[in-house]
Amino acid sequence: MVDTDDNHEVSEPWLLRFDVACRRNPGQGGAGAAIFDSSSTVVWTRSHFLPSSSETKNTAKYTALLVGVQSAVRHGTTRLLVEGEKILVLAQTRGSFSCNNRWLRPFCEVKCERS
């Protein structure tokens, strides 16, 4: 795993992939994200255990997405492609769908543009 705080500007788009797993919904789970540079080299990975029995899959997805976006910014990328299997989360961050859960609304503040 490479997890540096190098703050050099990156001009080519990087790729963020994220996913989660939960035993139940809601329930304990995990969130993970990985960033790849333009040559498909892994730049950064992270996983989080979500111990609360009240975590939902959407909360876990937003956790993985936001941790990945924050790391990409720290690494200096200004162009980021995002892949995740949770279409709802991606649509909410693009503003295509509204977020009705008041606890998740702050996560929706991170806006992603469609490429």
PDB file of N, CA and C in Angstrom:
ATOM      1  N   MET A   1       0.843  -1.172   0.000  1.00  0.00           N
ATOM      2  CA  MET A   1       0.000   0.000   0.000  1.00  0.00           C
ATOM      3  C   MET A   1       0.884   1.229   0.000  1.00  0.00           C
ATOM      4  N   VAL A   2       0.554   2.165  -0.857  1.00  0.00           N
ATOM      5  CA  VAL A   2       1.247   3.440  -0.891  1.00  0.00           C
ATOM      6  C   VAL A   2       0.280   4.473  -0.354  1.00  0.00           C
ATOM      7  N   ASP A   3       0.660   5.185   0.664  1.00  0.00           N
ATOM      8  CA  ASP A   3      -0.208   6.202   1.249  1.00  0.00           C
ATOM      9  C   ASP A   3       0.655   7.395   1.618  1.00  0.00           C
ATOM     10  N   THR A   4       1.000   8.154   0.611  1.00  0.00           N
ATOM     11  CA  THR A   4       1.843   9.318   0.848  1.00  0.00           C
ATOM     12  C   THR A   4       0.993  10.566   0.761  1.00  0.00           C
ATOM     13  N   ASP A   5       1.516  11.633   1.244  1.00  0.00           N
ATOM     14  CA  ASP A   5       0.837  12.916   1.139  1.00  0.00           C
ATOM     15  C   ASP A   5       1.543  13.800   0.125  1.00  0.00           C
ATOM     16  N   ASP A   6       2.154  13.175  -0.899  1.00  0.00           N
ATOM     17  CA  ASP A   6       2.795  13.955  -1.949  1.00  0.00           C
ATOM     18  C   ASP A   6       1.755  14.883  -2.547  1.00  0.00           C
ATOM     19  N   ASN A   7       2.084  16.138  -2.638  1.00  0.00           N
ATOM     20  CA  ASN A   7       1.116  17.109  -3.122  1.00  0.00           C
ATOM     21  C   ASN A   7       1.589  17.700  -4.441  1.00  0.00           C
ATOM     22  N   HIS A   8       1.830  16.849  -5.420  1.00  0.00           N
ATOM     23  CA  HIS A   8       2.199  17.327  -6.739  1.00  0.00           C
ATOM     24  C   HIS A   8       0.946  17.338  -7.601  1.00  0.00           C
ATOM     25  N   GLU A   9       0.857  18.299  -8.518  1.00  0.00           N
ATOM     26  CA  GLU A   9      -0.335  18.384  -9.347  1.00  0.00           C
ATOM     27  C   GLU A   9      -0.318  17.292 -10.407  1.00  0.00           C
ATOM     28  N   VAL A  10      -1.436  16.639 -10.572  1.00  0.00           N
ATOM     29  CA  VAL A  10      -1.574  15.542 -11.521  1.00  0.00           C
ATOM     30  C   VAL A  10      -2.499  16.010 -12.633  1.00  0.00           C
ATOM     31  N   SER A  11      -2.031  15.970 -13.884  1.00  0.00           N
ATOM     32  CA  SER A  11      -2.849  16.485 -14.981  1.00  0.00           C
ATOM     33  C   SER A  11      -3.685  15.401 -15.659  1.00  0.00           C
ATOM     34  N   GLU A  12      -3.168  14.186 -15.747  1.00  0.00           N
ATOM     35  CA  GLU A  12      -3.931  13.088 -16.342  1.00  0.00           C
ATOM     36  C   GLU A  12      -4.964  12.591 -15.333  1.00  0.00           C
ATOM     37  N   PRO A  13      -6.141  12.161 -15.800  1.00  0.00           N
ATOM     38  CA  PRO A  13      -7.144  11.683 -14.842  1.00  0.00           C
ATOM     39  C   PRO A  13      -6.701  10.401 -14.142  1.00  0.00           C
ATOM     40  N   TRP A  14      -6.981  10.331 -12.872  1.00  0.00           N
ATOM     41  CA  TRP A  14      -6.761   9.126 -12.083  1.00  0.00           C
ATOM     42  C   TRP A  14      -8.104   8.436 -11.901  1.00  0.00           C
ATOM     43  N   LEU A  15      -8.079   7.209 -11.407  1.00  0.00           N
ATOM     44  CA  LEU A  15      -9.291   6.414 -11.224  1.00  0.00           C
ATOM     45  C   LEU A  15      -9.453   6.051  -9.756  1.00  0.00           C
ATOM     46  N   LEU A  16     -10.621   6.321  -9.217  1.00  0.00           N
ATOM     47  CA  LEU A  16     -10.984   5.911  -7.859  1.00  0.00           C
ATOM     48  C   LEU A  16     -12.028   4.813  -7.980  1.00  0.00           C
ATOM     49  N   ARG A  17     -11.751   3.676  -7.364  1.00  0.00           N
ATOM     50  CA  ARG A  17     -12.733   2.587  -7.279  1.00  0.00           C
ATOM     51  C   ARG A  17     -13.075   2.390  -5.817  1.00  0.00           C
ATOM     52  N   PHE A  18     -14.363   2.194  -5.538  1.00  0.00           N
ATOM     53  CA  PHE A  18     -14.782   1.979  -4.155  1.00  0.00           C
ATOM     54  C   PHE A  18     -15.875   0.930  -4.085  1.00  0.00           C
ATOM     55  N   ASP A  19     -15.940   0.263  -2.924  1.00  0.00           N
ATOM     56  CA  ASP A  19     -16.975  -0.743  -2.706  1.00  0.00           C
ATOM     57  C   ASP A  19     -17.078  -1.026  -1.212  1.00  0.00           C
ATOM     58  N   VAL A  20     -18.127  -1.729  -0.833  1.00  0.00           N
ATOM     59  CA  VAL A  20     -18.356  -2.055   0.578  1.00  0.00           C
ATOM     60  C   VAL A  20     -18.924  -3.456   0.708  1.00  0.00           C
ATOM     61  N   ALA A  21     -18.960  -3.919   1.938  1.00  0.00           N
ATOM     62  CA  ALA A  21     -19.644  -5.166   2.278  1.00  0.00           C
ATOM     63  C   ALA A  21     -20.270  -4.980   3.653  1.00  0.00           C
ATOM     64  N   CYS A  22     -21.489  -5.446   3.813  1.00  0.00           N
ATOM     65  CA  CYS A  22     -22.180  -5.378   5.106  1.00  0.00           C
ATOM     66  C   CYS A  22     -22.817  -6.734   5.385  1.00  0.00           C
ATOM     67  N   ARG A  23     -22.800  -7.134   6.650  1.00  0.00           N
ATOM     68  CA  ARG A  23     -23.434  -8.409   7.014  1.00  0.00           C
ATOM     69  C   ARG A  23     -24.941  -8.317   6.879  1.00  0.00           C
ATOM     70  N   ARG A  24     -25.483  -7.233   7.330  1.00  0.00           N
ATOM     71  CA  ARG A  24     -26.916  -6.939   7.223  1.00  0.00           C
ATOM     72  C   ARG A  24     -27.035  -5.475   6.838  1.00  0.00           C
ATOM     73  N   ASN A  25     -28.220  -5.062   6.488  1.00  0.00           N
ATOM     74  CA  ASN A  25     -28.437  -3.649   6.172  1.00  0.00           C
ATOM     75  C   ASN A  25     -29.628  -3.156   6.981  1.00  0.00           C
ATOM     76  N   PRO A  26     -29.417  -2.476   8.093  1.00  0.00           N
ATOM     77  CA  PRO A  26     -28.134  -1.995   8.635  1.00  0.00           C
ATOM     78  C   PRO A  26     -27.389  -3.093   9.393  1.00  0.00           C
ATOM     79  N   GLY A  27     -26.104  -2.867   9.576  1.00  0.00           N
ATOM     80  CA  GLY A  27     -25.259  -3.799  10.315  1.00  0.00           C
ATOM     81  C   GLY A  27     -23.790  -3.476  10.133  1.00  0.00           C
ATOM     82  N   GLN A  28     -22.945  -4.262  10.784  1.00  0.00           N
ATOM     83  CA  GLN A  28     -21.506  -4.057  10.661  1.00  0.00           C
ATOM     84  C   GLN A  28     -21.067  -4.280   9.219  1.00  0.00           C
ATOM     85  N   GLY A  29     -19.988  -3.605   8.857  1.00  0.00           N
ATOM     86  CA  GLY A  29     -19.497  -3.782   7.499  1.00  0.00           C
ATOM     87  C   GLY A  29     -18.127  -3.188   7.310  1.00  0.00           C
ATOM     88  N   GLY A  30     -17.771  -3.020   6.078  1.00  0.00           N
ATOM     89  CA  GLY A  30     -16.481  -2.446   5.738  1.00  0.00           C
ATOM     90  C   GLY A  30     -16.597  -1.622   4.475  1.00  0.00           C
ATOM     91  N   ALA A  31     -15.706  -0.648   4.350  1.00  0.00           N
ATOM     92  CA  ALA A  31     -15.663   0.218   3.181  1.00  0.00           C
ATOM     93  C   ALA A  31     -14.230   0.239   2.667  1.00  0.00           C
ATOM     94  N   GLY A  32     -14.077   0.201   1.365  1.00  0.00           N
ATOM     95  CA  GLY A  32     -12.735   0.215   0.799  1.00  0.00           C
ATOM     96  C   GLY A  32     -12.666   1.072  -0.446  1.00  0.00           C
ATOM     97  N   ALA A  33     -11.476   1.605  -0.708  1.00  0.00           N
ATOM     98  CA  ALA A  33     -11.261   2.431  -1.891  1.00  0.00           C
ATOM     99  C   ALA A  33      -9.826   2.250  -2.363  1.00  0.00           C
ATOM    100  N   ALA A  34      -9.630   2.428  -3.658  1.00  0.00           N
ATOM    101  CA  ALA A  34      -8.287   2.366  -4.244  1.00  0.00           C
ATOM    102  C   ALA A  34      -8.194   3.430  -5.327  1.00  0.00           C
ATOM    103  N   ILE A  35      -7.012   4.039  -5.437  1.00  0.00           N
ATOM    104  CA  ILE A  35      -6.759   5.043  -6.468  1.00  0.00           C
ATOM    105  C   ILE A  35      -5.650   4.523  -7.375  1.00  0.00           C
ATOM    106  N   PHE A  36      -5.886   4.667  -8.681  1.00  0.00           N
ATOM    107  CA  PHE A  36      -4.930   4.247  -9.704  1.00  0.00           C
ATOM    108  C   PHE A  36      -4.528   5.471 -10.517  1.00  0.00           C
ATOM    109  N   ASP A  37      -3.240   5.585 -10.835  1.00  0.00           N
ATOM    110  CA  ASP A  37      -2.814   6.707 -11.669  1.00  0.00           C
ATOM    111  C   ASP A  37      -3.129   6.403 -13.134  1.00  0.00           C
ATOM    112  N   SER A  38      -2.746   7.304 -14.028  1.00  0.00           N
ATOM    113  CA  SER A  38      -3.109   7.166 -15.439  1.00  0.00           C
ATOM    114  C   SER A  38      -2.452   5.964 -16.116  1.00  0.00           C
ATOM    115  N   SER A  39      -1.425   5.382 -15.499  1.00  0.00           N
ATOM    116  CA  SER A  39      -0.808   4.171 -16.050  1.00  0.00           C
ATOM    117  C   SER A  39      -1.298   2.908 -15.334  1.00  0.00           C
ATOM    118  N   SER A  40      -2.387   3.031 -14.566  1.00  0.00           N
ATOM    119  CA  SER A  40      -3.034   1.929 -13.836  1.00  0.00           C
ATOM    120  C   SER A  40      -2.219   1.405 -12.661  1.00  0.00           C
ATOM    121  N   THR A  41      -1.253   2.179 -12.205  1.00  0.00           N
ATOM    122  CA  THR A  41      -0.483   1.816 -11.019  1.00  0.00           C
ATOM    123  C   THR A  41      -1.278   2.198  -9.778  1.00  0.00           C
ATOM    124  N   VAL A  42      -1.329   1.299  -8.796  1.00  0.00           N
ATOM    125  CA  VAL A  42      -2.023   1.610  -7.548  1.00  0.00           C
ATOM    126  C   VAL A  42      -1.233   2.687  -6.809  1.00  0.00           C
ATOM    127  N   VAL A  43      -1.897   3.799  -6.530  1.00  0.00           N
ATOM    128  CA  VAL A  43      -1.274   4.917  -5.828  1.00  0.00           C
ATOM    129  C   VAL A  43      -1.608   4.865  -4.347  1.00  0.00           C
ATOM    130  N   TRP A  44      -2.814   4.385  -4.023  1.00  0.00           N
ATOM    131  CA  TRP A  44      -3.289   4.451  -2.643  1.00  0.00           C
ATOM    132  C   TRP A  44      -4.420   3.445  -2.460  1.00  0.00           C
ATOM    133  N   THR A  45      -4.477   2.804  -1.306  1.00  0.00           N
ATOM    134  CA  THR A  45      -5.614   1.944  -0.940  1.00  0.00           C
ATOM    135  C   THR A  45      -5.945   2.181   0.522  1.00  0.00           C
ATOM    136  N   ARG A  46      -7.188   1.946   0.860  1.00  0.00           N
ATOM    137  CA  ARG A  46      -7.603   2.085   2.249  1.00  0.00           C
ATOM    138  C   ARG A  46      -8.853   1.255   2.463  1.00  0.00           C
ATOM    139  N   SER A  47      -8.959   0.667   3.634  1.00  0.00           N
ATOM    140  CA  SER A  47     -10.188  -0.022   4.023  1.00  0.00           C
ATOM    141  C   SER A  47     -10.532   0.394   5.444  1.00  0.00           C
ATOM    142  N   HIS A  48     -11.820   0.419   5.726  1.00  0.00           N
ATOM    143  CA  HIS A  48     -12.312   0.806   7.046  1.00  0.00           C
ATOM    144  C   HIS A  48     -13.310  -0.233   7.535  1.00  0.00           C
ATOM    145  N   PHE A  49     -13.152  -0.663   8.773  1.00  0.00           N
ATOM    146  CA  PHE A  49     -14.149  -1.504   9.424  1.00  0.00           C
ATOM    147  C   PHE A  49     -15.185  -0.576  10.032  1.00  0.00           C
ATOM    148  N   LEU A  50     -16.439  -0.858   9.797  1.00  0.00           N
ATOM    149  CA  LEU A  50     -17.542  -0.055  10.326  1.00  0.00           C
ATOM    150  C   LEU A  50     -18.256  -0.898  11.374  1.00  0.00           C
ATOM    151  N   PRO A  51     -17.882  -0.722  12.656  1.00  0.00           N
ATOM    152  CA  PRO A  51     -18.333  -1.638  13.703  1.00  0.00           C
ATOM    153  C   PRO A  51     -19.773  -1.442  14.169  1.00  0.00           C
ATOM    154  N   SER A  52     -20.365  -0.305  13.875  1.00  0.00           N
ATOM    155  CA  SER A  52     -21.696  -0.020  14.399  1.00  0.00           C
ATOM    156  C   SER A  52     -22.743  -0.932  13.766  1.00  0.00           C
ATOM    157  N   SER A  53     -23.661  -1.397  14.578  1.00  0.00           N
ATOM    158  CA  SER A  53     -24.740  -2.242  14.058  1.00  0.00           C
ATOM    159  C   SER A  53     -25.793  -1.414  13.334  1.00  0.00           C
ATOM    160  N   SER A  54     -25.629  -0.087  13.337  1.00  0.00           N
ATOM    161  CA  SER A  54     -26.606   0.770  12.669  1.00  0.00           C
ATOM    162  C   SER A  54     -26.092   1.334  11.345  1.00  0.00           C
ATOM    163  N   GLU A  55     -24.932   0.847  10.871  1.00  0.00           N
ATOM    164  CA  GLU A  55     -24.407   1.312   9.580  1.00  0.00           C
ATOM    165  C   GLU A  55     -25.278   0.769   8.451  1.00  0.00           C
ATOM    166  N   THR A  56     -25.487   1.581   7.426  1.00  0.00           N
ATOM    167  CA  THR A  56     -26.192   1.111   6.238  1.00  0.00           C
ATOM    168  C   THR A  56     -25.202   1.003   5.086  1.00  0.00           C
ATOM    169  N   LYS A  57     -25.598   0.301   4.056  1.00  0.00           N
ATOM    170  CA  LYS A  57     -24.726   0.185   2.884  1.00  0.00           C
ATOM    171  C   LYS A  57     -24.469   1.552   2.266  1.00  0.00           C
ATOM    172  N   ASN A  58     -25.478   2.421   2.252  1.00  0.00           N
ATOM    173  CA  ASN A  58     -25.268   3.749   1.677  1.00  0.00           C
ATOM    174  C   ASN A  58     -24.269   4.555   2.497  1.00  0.00           C
ATOM    175  N   THR A  59     -24.348   4.473   3.826  1.00  0.00           N
ATOM    176  CA  THR A  59     -23.371   5.167   4.669  1.00  0.00           C
ATOM    177  C   THR A  59     -21.972   4.645   4.374  1.00  0.00           C
ATOM    178  N   ALA A  60     -21.840   3.343   4.244  1.00  0.00           N
ATOM    179  CA  ALA A  60     -20.538   2.746   3.943  1.00  0.00           C
ATOM    180  C   ALA A  60     -20.040   3.193   2.573  1.00  0.00           C
ATOM    181  N   LYS A  61     -20.929   3.256   1.587  1.00  0.00           N
ATOM    182  CA  LYS A  61     -20.532   3.692   0.246  1.00  0.00           C
ATOM    183  C   LYS A  61     -20.030   5.133   0.271  1.00  0.00           C
ATOM    184  N   TYR A  62     -20.761   5.997   0.956  1.00  0.00           N
ATOM    185  CA  TYR A  62     -20.319   7.393   1.049  1.00  0.00           C
ATOM    186  C   TYR A  62     -18.989   7.500   1.785  1.00  0.00           C
ATOM    187  N   THR A  63     -18.794   6.689   2.808  1.00  0.00           N
ATOM    188  CA  THR A  63     -17.517   6.690   3.532  1.00  0.00           C
ATOM    189  C   THR A  63     -16.379   6.343   2.585  1.00  0.00           C
ATOM    190  N   ALA A  64     -16.539   5.276   1.820  1.00  0.00           N
ATOM    191  CA  ALA A  64     -15.494   4.855   0.881  1.00  0.00           C
ATOM    192  C   ALA A  64     -15.248   5.920  -0.181  1.00  0.00           C
ATOM    193  N   LEU A  65     -16.315   6.485  -0.728  1.00  0.00           N
ATOM    194  CA  LEU A  65     -16.191   7.516  -1.757  1.00  0.00           C
ATOM    195  C   LEU A  65     -15.459   8.744  -1.231  1.00  0.00           C
ATOM    196  N   LEU A  66     -15.878   9.235  -0.071  1.00  0.00           N
ATOM    197  CA  LEU A  66     -15.279  10.463   0.461  1.00  0.00           C
ATOM    198  C   LEU A  66     -13.833  10.278   0.878  1.00  0.00           C
ATOM    199  N   VAL A  67     -13.514   9.144   1.485  1.00  0.00           N
ATOM    200  CA  VAL A  67     -12.120   8.881   1.867  1.00  0.00           C
ATOM    201  C   VAL A  67     -11.252   8.843   0.607  1.00  0.00           C
ATOM    202  N   GLY A  68     -11.764   8.235  -0.448  1.00  0.00           N
ATOM    203  CA  GLY A  68     -11.015   8.175  -1.699  1.00  0.00           C
ATOM    204  C   GLY A  68     -10.837   9.535  -2.347  1.00  0.00           C
ATOM    205  N   VAL A  69     -11.897  10.329  -2.389  1.00  0.00           N
ATOM    206  CA  VAL A  69     -11.808  11.669  -2.979  1.00  0.00           C
ATOM    207  C   VAL A  69     -10.835  12.535  -2.182  1.00  0.00           C
ATOM    208  N   GLN A  70     -10.912  12.473  -0.856  1.00  0.00           N
ATOM    209  CA  GLN A  70      -9.990  13.255  -0.022  1.00  0.00           C
ATOM    210  C   GLN A  70      -8.543  12.866  -0.292  1.00  0.00           C
ATOM    211  N   SER A  71      -8.273  11.587  -0.439  1.00  0.00           N
ATOM    212  CA  SER A  71      -6.909  11.144  -0.711  1.00  0.00           C
ATOM    213  C   SER A  71      -6.450  11.616  -2.087  1.00  0.00           C
ATOM    214  N   ALA A  72      -7.332  11.547  -3.072  1.00  0.00           N
ATOM    215  CA  ALA A  72      -6.969  12.005  -4.416  1.00  0.00           C
ATOM    216  C   ALA A  72      -6.587  13.484  -4.399  1.00  0.00           C
ATOM    217  N   VAL A  73      -7.340  14.277  -3.670  1.00  0.00           N
ATOM    218  CA  VAL A  73      -7.026  15.704  -3.545  1.00  0.00           C
ATOM    219  C   VAL A  73      -5.675  15.884  -2.868  1.00  0.00           C
ATOM    220  N   ARG A  74      -5.430  15.135  -1.791  1.00  0.00           N
ATOM    221  CA  ARG A  74      -4.132  15.221  -1.097  1.00  0.00           C
ATOM    222  C   ARG A  74      -2.976  14.838  -2.013  1.00  0.00           C
ATOM    223  N   HIS A  75      -3.236  13.927  -2.937  1.00  0.00           N
ATOM    224  CA  HIS A  75      -2.189  13.501  -3.863  1.00  0.00           C
ATOM    225  C   HIS A  75      -2.030  14.461  -5.042  1.00  0.00           C
ATOM    226  N   GLY A  76      -2.860  15.478  -5.131  1.00  0.00           N
ATOM    227  CA  GLY A  76      -2.686  16.512  -6.144  1.00  0.00           C
ATOM    228  C   GLY A  76      -3.458  16.329  -7.432  1.00  0.00           C
ATOM    229  N   THR A  77      -4.299  15.323  -7.518  1.00  0.00           N
ATOM    230  CA  THR A  77      -5.048  15.151  -8.762  1.00  0.00           C
ATOM    231  C   THR A  77      -6.189  16.158  -8.839  1.00  0.00           C
ATOM    232  N   THR A  78      -6.393  16.682 -10.031  1.00  0.00           N
ATOM    233  CA  THR A  78      -7.509  17.599 -10.263  1.00  0.00           C
ATOM    234  C   THR A  78      -8.554  16.961 -11.167  1.00  0.00           C
ATOM    235  N   ARG A  79      -8.244  15.798 -11.715  1.00  0.00           N
ATOM    236  CA  ARG A  79      -9.174  15.065 -12.574  1.00  0.00           C
ATOM    237  C   ARG A  79      -9.267  13.641 -12.058  1.00  0.00           C
ATOM    238  N   LEU A  80     -10.474  13.244 -11.682  1.00  0.00           N
ATOM    239  CA  LEU A  80     -10.671  11.939 -11.062  1.00  0.00           C
ATOM    240  C   LEU A  80     -11.890  11.257 -11.664  1.00  0.00           C
ATOM    241  N   LEU A  81     -11.693  10.072 -12.193  1.00  0.00           N
ATOM    242  CA  LEU A  81     -12.798   9.232 -12.637  1.00  0.00           C
ATOM    243  C   LEU A  81     -13.195   8.359 -11.454  1.00  0.00           C
ATOM    244  N   VAL A  82     -14.483   8.180 -11.247  1.00  0.00           N
ATOM    245  CA  VAL A  82     -14.963   7.426 -10.088  1.00  0.00           C
ATOM    246  C   VAL A  82     -15.783   6.241 -10.568  1.00  0.00           C
ATOM    247  N   GLU A  83     -15.440   5.053 -10.061  1.00  0.00           N
ATOM    248  CA  GLU A  83     -16.201   3.840 -10.355  1.00  0.00           C
ATOM    249  C   GLU A  83     -16.680   3.224  -9.055  1.00  0.00           C
ATOM    250  N   GLY A  84     -17.969   2.945  -9.011  1.00  0.00           N
ATOM    251  CA  GLY A  84     -18.562   2.264  -7.870  1.00  0.00           C
ATOM    252  C   GLY A  84     -19.836   1.597  -8.327  1.00  0.00           C
ATOM    253  N   GLU A  85     -20.208   0.487  -7.712  1.00  0.00           N
ATOM    254  CA  GLU A  85     -21.399  -0.221  -8.173  1.00  0.00           C
ATOM    255  C   GLU A  85     -22.685   0.363  -7.621  1.00  0.00           C
ATOM    256  N   LYS A  86     -22.593   1.324  -6.742  1.00  0.00           N
ATOM    257  CA  LYS A  86     -23.801   1.909  -6.159  1.00  0.00           C
ATOM    258  C   LYS A  86     -24.216   3.132  -6.971  1.00  0.00           C
ATOM    259  N   ILE A  87     -25.060   2.920  -7.956  1.00  0.00           N
ATOM    260  CA  ILE A  87     -25.472   3.989  -8.860  1.00  0.00           C
ATOM    261  C   ILE A  87     -26.168   5.109  -8.098  1.00  0.00           C
ATOM    262  N   LEU A  88     -26.946   4.779  -7.075  1.00  0.00           N
ATOM    263  CA  LEU A  88     -27.656   5.806  -6.318  1.00  0.00           C
ATOM    264  C   LEU A  88     -26.684   6.811  -5.717  1.00  0.00           C
ATOM    265  N   VAL A  89     -25.620   6.342  -5.098  1.00  0.00           N
ATOM    266  CA  VAL A  89     -24.636   7.230  -4.470  1.00  0.00           C
ATOM    267  C   VAL A  89     -24.007   8.139  -5.519  1.00  0.00           C
ATOM    268  N   LEU A  90     -23.615   7.577  -6.655  1.00  0.00           N
ATOM    269  CA  LEU A  90     -23.004   8.387  -7.706  1.00  0.00           C
ATOM    270  C   LEU A  90     -24.000   9.396  -8.265  1.00  0.00           C
ATOM    271  N   ALA A  91     -25.251   8.990  -8.446  1.00  0.00           N
ATOM    272  CA  ALA A  91     -26.271   9.907  -8.960  1.00  0.00           C
ATOM    273  C   ALA A  91     -26.569  11.019  -7.957  1.00  0.00           C
ATOM    274  N   GLN A  92     -26.567  10.707  -6.674  1.00  0.00           N
ATOM    275  CA  GLN A  92     -26.810  11.738  -5.662  1.00  0.00           C
ATOM    276  C   GLN A  92     -25.677  12.754  -5.627  1.00  0.00           C
ATOM    277  N   THR A  93     -24.439  12.308  -5.780  1.00  0.00           N
ATOM    278  CA  THR A  93     -23.326  13.256  -5.755  1.00  0.00           C
ATOM    279  C   THR A  93     -23.284  14.104  -7.020  1.00  0.00           C
ATOM    280  N   ARG A  94     -23.877  13.620  -8.111  1.00  0.00           N
ATOM    281  CA  ARG A  94     -23.972  14.425  -9.334  1.00  0.00           C
ATOM    282  C   ARG A  94     -25.188  15.339  -9.294  1.00  0.00           C
ATOM    283  N   GLY A  95     -26.066  15.136  -8.313  1.00  0.00           N
ATOM    284  CA  GLY A  95     -27.272  15.946  -8.215  1.00  0.00           C
ATOM    285  C   GLY A  95     -28.426  15.407  -9.041  1.00  0.00           C
ATOM    286  N   SER A  96     -28.279  14.228  -9.646  1.00  0.00           N
ATOM    287  CA  SER A  96     -29.347  13.638 -10.453  1.00  0.00           C
ATOM    288  C   SER A  96     -30.496  13.127  -9.591  1.00  0.00           C
ATOM    289  N   PHE A  97     -30.173  12.619  -8.394  1.00  0.00           N
ATOM    290  CA  PHE A  97     -31.176  12.128  -7.458  1.00  0.00           C
ATOM    291  C   PHE A  97     -31.040  12.899  -6.163  1.00  0.00           C
ATOM    292  N   SER A  98     -32.160  13.101  -5.496  1.00  0.00           N
ATOM    293  CA  SER A  98     -32.096  13.770  -4.194  1.00  0.00           C
ATOM    294  C   SER A  98     -31.769  12.749  -3.109  1.00  0.00           C
ATOM    295  N   CYS A  99     -31.270  13.262  -2.007  1.00  0.00           N
ATOM    296  CA  CYS A  99     -30.942  12.420  -0.858  1.00  0.00           C
ATOM    297  C   CYS A  99     -31.942  12.741   0.245  1.00  0.00           C
ATOM    298  N   ASN A 100     -32.757  11.775   0.615  1.00  0.00           N
ATOM    299  CA  ASN A 100     -33.798  12.004   1.610  1.00  0.00           C
ATOM    300  C   ASN A 100     -33.349  11.734   3.036  1.00  0.00           C
ATOM    301  N   ASN A 101     -32.232  11.054   3.209  1.00  0.00           N
ATOM    302  CA  ASN A 101     -31.742  10.722   4.545  1.00  0.00           C
ATOM    303  C   ASN A 101     -30.965  11.901   5.109  1.00  0.00           C
ATOM    304  N   ARG A 102     -31.436  12.482   6.194  1.00  0.00           N
ATOM    305  CA  ARG A 102     -30.786  13.689   6.730  1.00  0.00           C
ATOM    306  C   ARG A 102     -29.372  13.422   7.207  1.00  0.00           C
ATOM    307  N   TRP A 103     -29.059  12.196   7.586  1.00  0.00           N
ATOM    308  CA  TRP A 103     -27.702  11.865   8.034  1.00  0.00           C
ATOM    309  C   TRP A 103     -26.743  11.753   6.850  1.00  0.00           C
ATOM    310  N   LEU A 104     -27.269  11.387   5.695  1.00  0.00           N
ATOM    311  CA  LEU A 104     -26.416  11.239   4.512  1.00  0.00           C
ATOM    312  C   LEU A 104     -26.313  12.520   3.685  1.00  0.00           C
ATOM    313  N   ARG A 105     -27.204  13.475   3.898  1.00  0.00           N
ATOM    314  CA  ARG A 105     -27.190  14.705   3.101  1.00  0.00           C
ATOM    315  C   ARG A 105     -25.840  15.414   3.079  1.00  0.00           C
ATOM    316  N   PRO A 106     -25.131  15.529   4.229  1.00  0.00           N
ATOM    317  CA  PRO A 106     -23.813  16.187   4.160  1.00  0.00           C
ATOM    318  C   PRO A 106     -22.840  15.470   3.219  1.00  0.00           C
ATOM    319  N   PHE A 107     -22.954  14.143   3.118  1.00  0.00           N
ATOM    320  CA  PHE A 107     -22.103  13.409   2.187  1.00  0.00           C
ATOM    321  C   PHE A 107     -22.416  13.799   0.744  1.00  0.00           C
ATOM    322  N   CYS A 108     -23.670  14.098   0.471  1.00  0.00           N
ATOM    323  CA  CYS A 108     -24.083  14.458  -0.890  1.00  0.00           C
ATOM    324  C   CYS A 108     -23.527  15.810  -1.320  1.00  0.00           C
ATOM    325  N   GLU A 109     -23.010  16.581  -0.380  1.00  0.00           N
ATOM    326  CA  GLU A 109     -22.456  17.889  -0.702  1.00  0.00           C
ATOM    327  C   GLU A 109     -21.243  17.780  -1.614  1.00  0.00           C
ATOM    328  N   VAL A 110     -20.574  16.633  -1.607  1.00  0.00           N
ATOM    329  CA  VAL A 110     -19.442  16.427  -2.511  1.00  0.00           C
ATOM    330  C   VAL A 110     -20.026  16.216  -3.893  1.00  0.00           C
ATOM    331  N   LYS A 111     -19.809  17.154  -4.771  1.00  0.00           N
ATOM    332  CA  LYS A 111     -20.392  17.090  -6.109  1.00  0.00           C
ATOM    333  C   LYS A 111     -19.401  16.498  -7.094  1.00  0.00           C
ATOM    334  N   CYS A 112     -19.884  15.570  -7.881  1.00  0.00           N
ATOM    335  CA  CYS A 112     -19.065  14.945  -8.912  1.00  0.00           C
ATOM    336  C   CYS A 112     -19.685  15.265 -10.263  1.00  0.00           C
ATOM    337  N   GLU A 113     -18.860  15.625 -11.220  1.00  0.00           N
ATOM    338  CA  GLU A 113     -19.347  15.905 -12.564  1.00  0.00           C
ATOM    339  C   GLU A 113     -19.283  14.643 -13.399  1.00  0.00           C
ATOM    340  N   ARG A 114     -20.244  14.487 -14.247  1.00  0.00           N
ATOM    341  CA  ARG A 114     -20.269  13.329 -15.143  1.00  0.00           C
ATOM    342  C   ARG A 114     -19.266  13.565 -16.264  1.00  0.00           C
ATOM    343  N   SER A 115     -18.473  12.539 -16.567  1.00  0.00           N
ATOM    344  CA  SER A 115     -17.484  12.691 -17.654  1.00  0.00           C
ATOM    345  C   SER A 115     -18.071  12.244 -18.971  1.00  0.00           C
TER     346      SER A 115
END
